[in-house]
Amino acid sequence: TDGHAAAATICDALKGAPFSSCHSIVDYYYCPYECPEGFTYKAAAAIPSPTCLIKTPEQEGTVRGCFCPSGKYLQDGVCVVSSECKCLYEGSFYDNGATIEKPSECETCFCGNAGVLT
């Protein structure tokens, strides 16, 4: 069997009745969450998590769960590298390469890599 299947079998056994007094320990240390594709389990990750809008947030604590891998940022529920971050302008997100007309300011802006609006 592969390692993941073996770990799932061990977790199922540890979560059985004979080990009921240890379930919180088993869940925390030995049987981490099943994470969606593109996310990784961390037993103690800094929160808030880095996002495309705030790439280096001030840490307020730690929590266990599913997070973007190191070097990726959360955007629209998906982990992306910095260069794929979108631009935010007046509450709307724009893809890289998009132009944004600002008629009230008589200018056109460009959404560049990493969500940089110029």
C-alpha atoms as a PDB file:
ATOM      1  CA  THR A   1       0.000   0.000   0.000  1.00  0.00           C
ATOM      2  CA  ASP A   2       1.088   3.585  -0.468  1.00  0.00           C
ATOM      3  CA  GLY A   3       1.967   5.788   2.517  1.00  0.00           C
ATOM      4  CA  HIS A   4      -1.241   7.817   2.374  1.00  0.00           C
ATOM      5  CA  ALA A   5      -3.463   4.723   2.441  1.00  0.00           C
ATOM      6  CA  ALA A   6      -1.447   3.250   5.324  1.00  0.00           C
ATOM      7  CA  ALA A   7      -1.740   6.499   7.284  1.00  0.00           C
ATOM      8  CA  ALA A   8      -5.514   6.556   6.713  1.00  0.00           C
ATOM      9  CA  THR A   9      -5.801   2.992   8.027  1.00  0.00           C
ATOM     10  CA  ILE A  10      -3.769   3.851  11.122  1.00  0.00           C
ATOM     11  CA  CYS A  11      -5.903   6.961  11.694  1.00  0.00           C
ATOM     12  CA  ASP A  12      -9.092   4.914  11.425  1.00  0.00           C
ATOM     13  CA  ALA A  13      -7.769   2.476  14.042  1.00  0.00           C
ATOM     14  CA  LEU A  14      -6.621   5.251  16.390  1.00  0.00           C
ATOM     15  CA  LYS A  15     -10.029   6.940  16.152  1.00  0.00           C
ATOM     16  CA  GLY A  16     -11.765   3.745  17.316  1.00  0.00           C
ATOM     17  CA  ALA A  17     -13.436   3.226  20.681  1.00  0.00           C
ATOM     18  CA  PRO A  18     -10.376   1.849  22.539  1.00  0.00           C
ATOM     19  CA  PHE A  19      -8.584   5.174  22.007  1.00  0.00           C
ATOM     20  CA  SER A  20     -11.541   7.522  22.620  1.00  0.00           C
ATOM     21  CA  SER A  21      -9.790   9.338  25.466  1.00  0.00           C
ATOM     22  CA  CYS A  22      -6.983  10.273  23.075  1.00  0.00           C
ATOM     23  CA  HIS A  23      -9.034  11.444  20.064  1.00  0.00           C
ATOM     24  CA  SER A  24      -8.037  15.095  20.362  1.00  0.00           C
ATOM     25  CA  ILE A  25      -4.350  14.134  20.446  1.00  0.00           C
ATOM     26  CA  VAL A  26      -4.778  11.677  17.572  1.00  0.00           C
ATOM     27  CA  ASP A  27      -6.554  14.281  15.419  1.00  0.00           C
ATOM     28  CA  TYR A  28      -4.015  16.991  16.181  1.00  0.00           C
ATOM     29  CA  TYR A  29      -0.737  15.119  15.798  1.00  0.00           C
ATOM     30  CA  TYR A  30      -1.359  11.983  13.788  1.00  0.00           C
ATOM     31  CA  CYS A  31      -4.382  12.438  11.549  1.00  0.00           C
ATOM     32  CA  PRO A  32      -4.239  15.853   9.890  1.00  0.00           C
ATOM     33  CA  TYR A  33      -6.915  17.292   7.676  1.00  0.00           C
ATOM     34  CA  GLU A  34      -7.467  16.146   4.119  1.00  0.00           C
ATOM     35  CA  CYS A  35      -6.547  19.310   2.232  1.00  0.00           C
ATOM     36  CA  PRO A  36      -7.961  20.393  -1.121  1.00  0.00           C
ATOM     37  CA  GLU A  37      -5.672  20.169  -4.123  1.00  0.00           C
ATOM     38  CA  GLY A  38      -3.013  22.865  -4.071  1.00  0.00           C
ATOM     39  CA  PHE A  39      -3.095  23.286  -0.272  1.00  0.00           C
ATOM     40  CA  THR A  40      -0.868  21.675   2.372  1.00  0.00           C
ATOM     41  CA  TYR A  41      -1.572  20.699   5.974  1.00  0.00           C
ATOM     42  CA  LYS A  42       0.314  22.605   8.669  1.00  0.00           C
ATOM     43  CA  ALA A  43       0.028  21.796  12.365  1.00  0.00           C
ATOM     44  CA  ALA A  44       0.876  25.377  13.368  1.00  0.00           C
ATOM     45  CA  ALA A  45       0.713  27.985  10.601  1.00  0.00           C
ATOM     46  CA  ALA A  46       0.830  31.733  11.131  1.00  0.00           C
ATOM     47  CA  ILE A  47      -2.439  33.619  10.850  1.00  0.00           C
ATOM     48  CA  PRO A  48      -3.605  35.580   9.053  1.00  0.00           C
ATOM     49  CA  SER A  49      -2.378  33.734   5.966  1.00  0.00           C
ATOM     50  CA  PRO A  50      -0.511  35.591   3.229  1.00  0.00           C
ATOM     51  CA  THR A  51      -2.808  36.668   0.389  1.00  0.00           C
ATOM     52  CA  CYS A  52      -2.222  38.501  -2.859  1.00  0.00           C
ATOM     53  CA  LEU A  53      -3.487  41.692  -1.216  1.00  0.00           C
ATOM     54  CA  ILE A  54      -1.392  41.345   1.960  1.00  0.00           C
ATOM     55  CA  LYS A  55       1.677  39.241   1.197  1.00  0.00           C
ATOM     56  CA  THR A  56       3.356  39.701   4.600  1.00  0.00           C
ATOM     57  CA  PRO A  57       0.615  40.117   7.200  1.00  0.00           C
ATOM     58  CA  GLU A  58       1.481  40.793  10.819  1.00  0.00           C
ATOM     59  CA  GLN A  59       1.228  37.474  12.650  1.00  0.00           C
ATOM     60  CA  GLU A  60      -1.571  37.325  15.227  1.00  0.00           C
ATOM     61  CA  GLY A  61      -1.155  33.681  16.229  1.00  0.00           C
ATOM     62  CA  THR A  62      -1.007  30.164  14.847  1.00  0.00           C
ATOM     63  CA  VAL A  63      -3.588  27.553  13.928  1.00  0.00           C
ATOM     64  CA  ARG A  64      -3.607  24.146  12.278  1.00  0.00           C
ATOM     65  CA  GLY A  65      -5.277  23.528   8.961  1.00  0.00           C
ATOM     66  CA  CYS A  66      -4.869  23.673   5.200  1.00  0.00           C
ATOM     67  CA  PHE A  67      -2.792  26.522   3.810  1.00  0.00           C
ATOM     68  CA  CYS A  68      -1.051  27.630   0.646  1.00  0.00           C
ATOM     69  CA  PRO A  69       2.450  26.181   0.335  1.00  0.00           C
ATOM     70  CA  SER A  70       5.361  28.468   1.116  1.00  0.00           C
ATOM     71  CA  GLY A  71       5.889  31.055  -1.626  1.00  0.00           C
ATOM     72  CA  LYS A  72       2.231  31.021  -2.751  1.00  0.00           C
ATOM     73  CA  TYR A  73      -0.594  33.379  -1.885  1.00  0.00           C
ATOM     74  CA  LEU A  74      -4.338  32.922  -1.532  1.00  0.00           C
ATOM     75  CA  GLN A  75      -6.440  34.575  -4.258  1.00  0.00           C
ATOM     76  CA  ASP A  76     -10.069  33.675  -4.961  1.00  0.00           C
ATOM     77  CA  GLY A  77      -9.743  30.410  -3.000  1.00  0.00           C
ATOM     78  CA  VAL A  78      -6.702  29.247  -5.005  1.00  0.00           C
ATOM     79  CA  CYS A  79      -2.997  29.308  -4.180  1.00  0.00           C
ATOM     80  CA  VAL A  80      -0.985  31.264  -6.752  1.00  0.00           C
ATOM     81  CA  VAL A  81       2.589  32.469  -7.162  1.00  0.00           C
ATOM     82  CA  SER A  82       3.100  36.203  -6.744  1.00  0.00           C
ATOM     83  CA  SER A  83       3.305  36.878 -10.486  1.00  0.00           C
ATOM     84  CA  GLU A  84      -0.236  35.476 -10.914  1.00  0.00           C
ATOM     85  CA  CYS A  85      -1.832  37.804  -8.350  1.00  0.00           C
ATOM     86  CA  LYS A  86      -4.586  40.001  -9.744  1.00  0.00           C
ATOM     87  CA  CYS A  87      -4.985  43.764  -9.363  1.00  0.00           C
ATOM     88  CA  LEU A  88      -7.678  45.282  -7.175  1.00  0.00           C
ATOM     89  CA  TYR A  89      -9.280  48.529  -8.284  1.00  0.00           C
ATOM     90  CA  GLU A  90     -12.434  49.999  -6.733  1.00  0.00           C
ATOM     91  CA  GLY A  91     -13.594  46.623  -5.374  1.00  0.00           C
ATOM     92  CA  SER A  92     -13.035  44.596  -8.561  1.00  0.00           C
ATOM     93  CA  PHE A  93     -10.208  42.239  -9.468  1.00  0.00           C
ATOM     94  CA  TYR A  94      -8.456  42.476 -12.839  1.00  0.00           C
ATOM     95  CA  ASP A  95      -6.270  39.861 -14.537  1.00  0.00           C
ATOM     96  CA  ASN A  96      -2.619  40.524 -15.337  1.00  0.00           C
ATOM     97  CA  GLY A  97      -2.357  42.417 -18.612  1.00  0.00           C
ATOM     98  CA  ALA A  98      -5.746  44.102 -18.243  1.00  0.00           C
ATOM     99  CA  THR A  99      -6.139  47.820 -18.813  1.00  0.00           C
ATOM    100  CA  ILE A 100      -8.411  49.825 -16.560  1.00  0.00           C
ATOM    101  CA  GLU A 101      -9.940  53.064 -17.784  1.00  0.00           C
ATOM    102  CA  LYS A 102     -10.204  55.782 -15.123  1.00  0.00           C
ATOM    103  CA  PRO A 103     -12.301  58.420 -16.897  1.00  0.00           C
ATOM    104  CA  SER A 104     -12.707  60.563 -13.787  1.00  0.00           C
ATOM    105  CA  GLU A 105      -8.919  60.865 -13.618  1.00  0.00           C
ATOM    106  CA  CYS A 106      -8.340  60.981 -17.390  1.00  0.00           C
ATOM    107  CA  GLU A 107      -5.912  58.084 -17.346  1.00  0.00           C
ATOM    108  CA  THR A 108      -5.558  54.419 -18.187  1.00  0.00           C
ATOM    109  CA  CYS A 109      -3.957  51.975 -15.765  1.00  0.00           C
ATOM    110  CA  PHE A 110      -2.311  48.639 -16.490  1.00  0.00           C
ATOM    111  CA  CYS A 111      -2.488  45.526 -14.306  1.00  0.00           C
ATOM    112  CA  GLY A 112       1.012  44.073 -14.203  1.00  0.00           C
ATOM    113  CA  ASN A 113       2.499  40.937 -12.693  1.00  0.00           C
ATOM    114  CA  ALA A 114       2.042  40.389  -8.958  1.00  0.00           C
ATOM    115  CA  GLY A 115      -1.095  42.542  -8.912  1.00  0.00           C
ATOM    116  CA  VAL A 116       0.771  45.815  -9.396  1.00  0.00           C
ATOM    117  CA  LEU A 117      -1.434  48.537 -10.841  1.00  0.00           C
ATOM    118  CA  THR A 118       0.442  51.197 -12.839  1.00  0.00           C
END
